Amino acid sequence: MATVEIEYCVPCGMLDRALTVEEAILQQFADDLDRVSLVMGDHGIFVVRVDDEVVFDKEEDGFDVDEIVRRVRSQLSA
């Protein structure tokens, strides 16, 4: 079983994005996960990790929920 962590920028108002990603991940992988955690951050951060491995970082990638779900799937099957 895996752990997913979604770290998002509170001052930037990214909670809605974090919740959208969390919901999509839970809908797809709830039976394969131990935990999905929302982690409050700042300085514009929005990073998704699977077992401490970064699968999405908004600094490097455009925000796309479907792509984030695909990356989580890839990491879970690795």
Protein backbone atom coordinates (compact mmCIF):
# COMPACT_ATOMS: atom_id res chain seq x y z
CA MET A 1 0.00 0.00 0.00
CA ALA A 2 1.15 3.51 -0.76
CA THR A 3 0.92 7.00 0.70
CA VAL A 4 0.10 10.09 -1.37
CA GLU A 5 0.94 13.56 -0.13
CA ILE A 6 -0.41 16.74 -1.72
CA GLU A 7 1.48 19.82 -0.54
CA TYR A 8 -0.21 23.08 -1.51
CA CYS A 9 0.25 26.80 -0.94
CA VAL A 10 -2.24 28.12 1.60
CA PRO A 11 -1.62 31.87 1.00
CA CYS A 12 -2.03 31.31 -2.76
CA GLY A 13 -5.49 29.80 -2.27
CA MET A 14 -4.63 26.38 -3.72
CA LEU A 15 -6.82 24.40 -1.33
CA ASP A 16 -9.50 23.88 -4.01
CA ARG A 17 -6.92 22.42 -6.40
CA ALA A 18 -5.56 20.17 -3.67
CA LEU A 19 -9.05 18.91 -2.85
CA THR A 20 -9.79 18.27 -6.54
CA VAL A 21 -6.60 16.21 -6.90
CA GLU A 22 -7.29 14.37 -3.63
CA GLU A 23 -10.80 13.44 -4.77
CA ALA A 24 -9.59 12.22 -8.19
CA ILE A 25 -6.86 10.10 -6.61
CA LEU A 26 -9.23 8.60 -4.04
CA GLN A 27 -11.81 7.77 -6.72
CA GLN A 28 -9.19 5.89 -8.75
CA PHE A 29 -6.96 4.30 -6.12
CA ALA A 30 -8.72 4.18 -2.74
CA ASP A 31 -8.18 0.41 -2.42
CA ASP A 32 -4.45 0.75 -3.19
CA LEU A 33 -3.59 3.49 -0.72
CA ASP A 34 -2.90 3.68 2.99
CA ARG A 35 -3.33 7.43 3.12
CA VAL A 36 -3.82 10.60 1.11
CA SER A 37 -2.60 13.64 3.03
CA LEU A 38 -3.02 17.34 2.44
CA VAL A 39 0.04 19.26 3.64
CA MET A 40 -0.15 23.01 4.07
CA GLY A 41 2.71 24.98 2.55
CA ASP A 42 3.59 28.40 1.22
CA HIS A 43 5.73 30.16 -1.39
CA GLY A 44 3.56 28.92 -4.28
CA ILE A 45 4.19 25.21 -3.72
CA PHE A 46 1.98 22.55 -5.25
CA VAL A 47 3.65 19.14 -5.21
CA VAL A 48 2.22 15.62 -5.30
CA ARG A 49 4.31 12.78 -3.89
CA VAL A 50 3.77 9.03 -3.84
CA ASP A 51 5.81 7.37 -1.10
CA ASP A 52 8.04 10.49 -0.92
CA GLU A 53 8.71 10.40 -4.70
CA VAL A 54 7.65 13.61 -6.48
CA VAL A 55 5.23 12.80 -9.32
CA PHE A 56 4.04 16.37 -9.93
CA ASP A 57 5.52 19.79 -9.23
CA LYS A 58 3.75 22.89 -10.52
CA GLU A 59 7.14 24.56 -10.97
CA GLU A 60 7.91 22.05 -13.73
CA ASP A 61 4.48 20.94 -15.01
CA GLY A 62 1.17 22.48 -16.02
CA PHE A 63 -1.75 21.72 -13.70
CA ASP A 64 -3.78 18.85 -15.18
CA VAL A 65 -5.70 16.57 -12.82
CA ASP A 66 -5.85 13.73 -15.35
CA GLU A 67 -2.09 13.87 -15.87
CA ILE A 68 -1.48 13.85 -12.11
CA VAL A 69 -3.70 10.76 -11.78
CA ARG A 70 -1.76 9.06 -14.62
CA ARG A 71 1.53 9.82 -12.86
CA VAL A 72 0.21 8.44 -9.58
CA ARG A 73 -0.93 5.30 -11.42
CA SER A 74 2.53 4.90 -12.97
CA GLN A 75 4.22 5.26 -9.60
CA LEU A 76 1.85 2.77 -7.96
CA SER A 77 2.53 0.18 -10.65
CA ALA A 78 6.31 0.67 -10.50
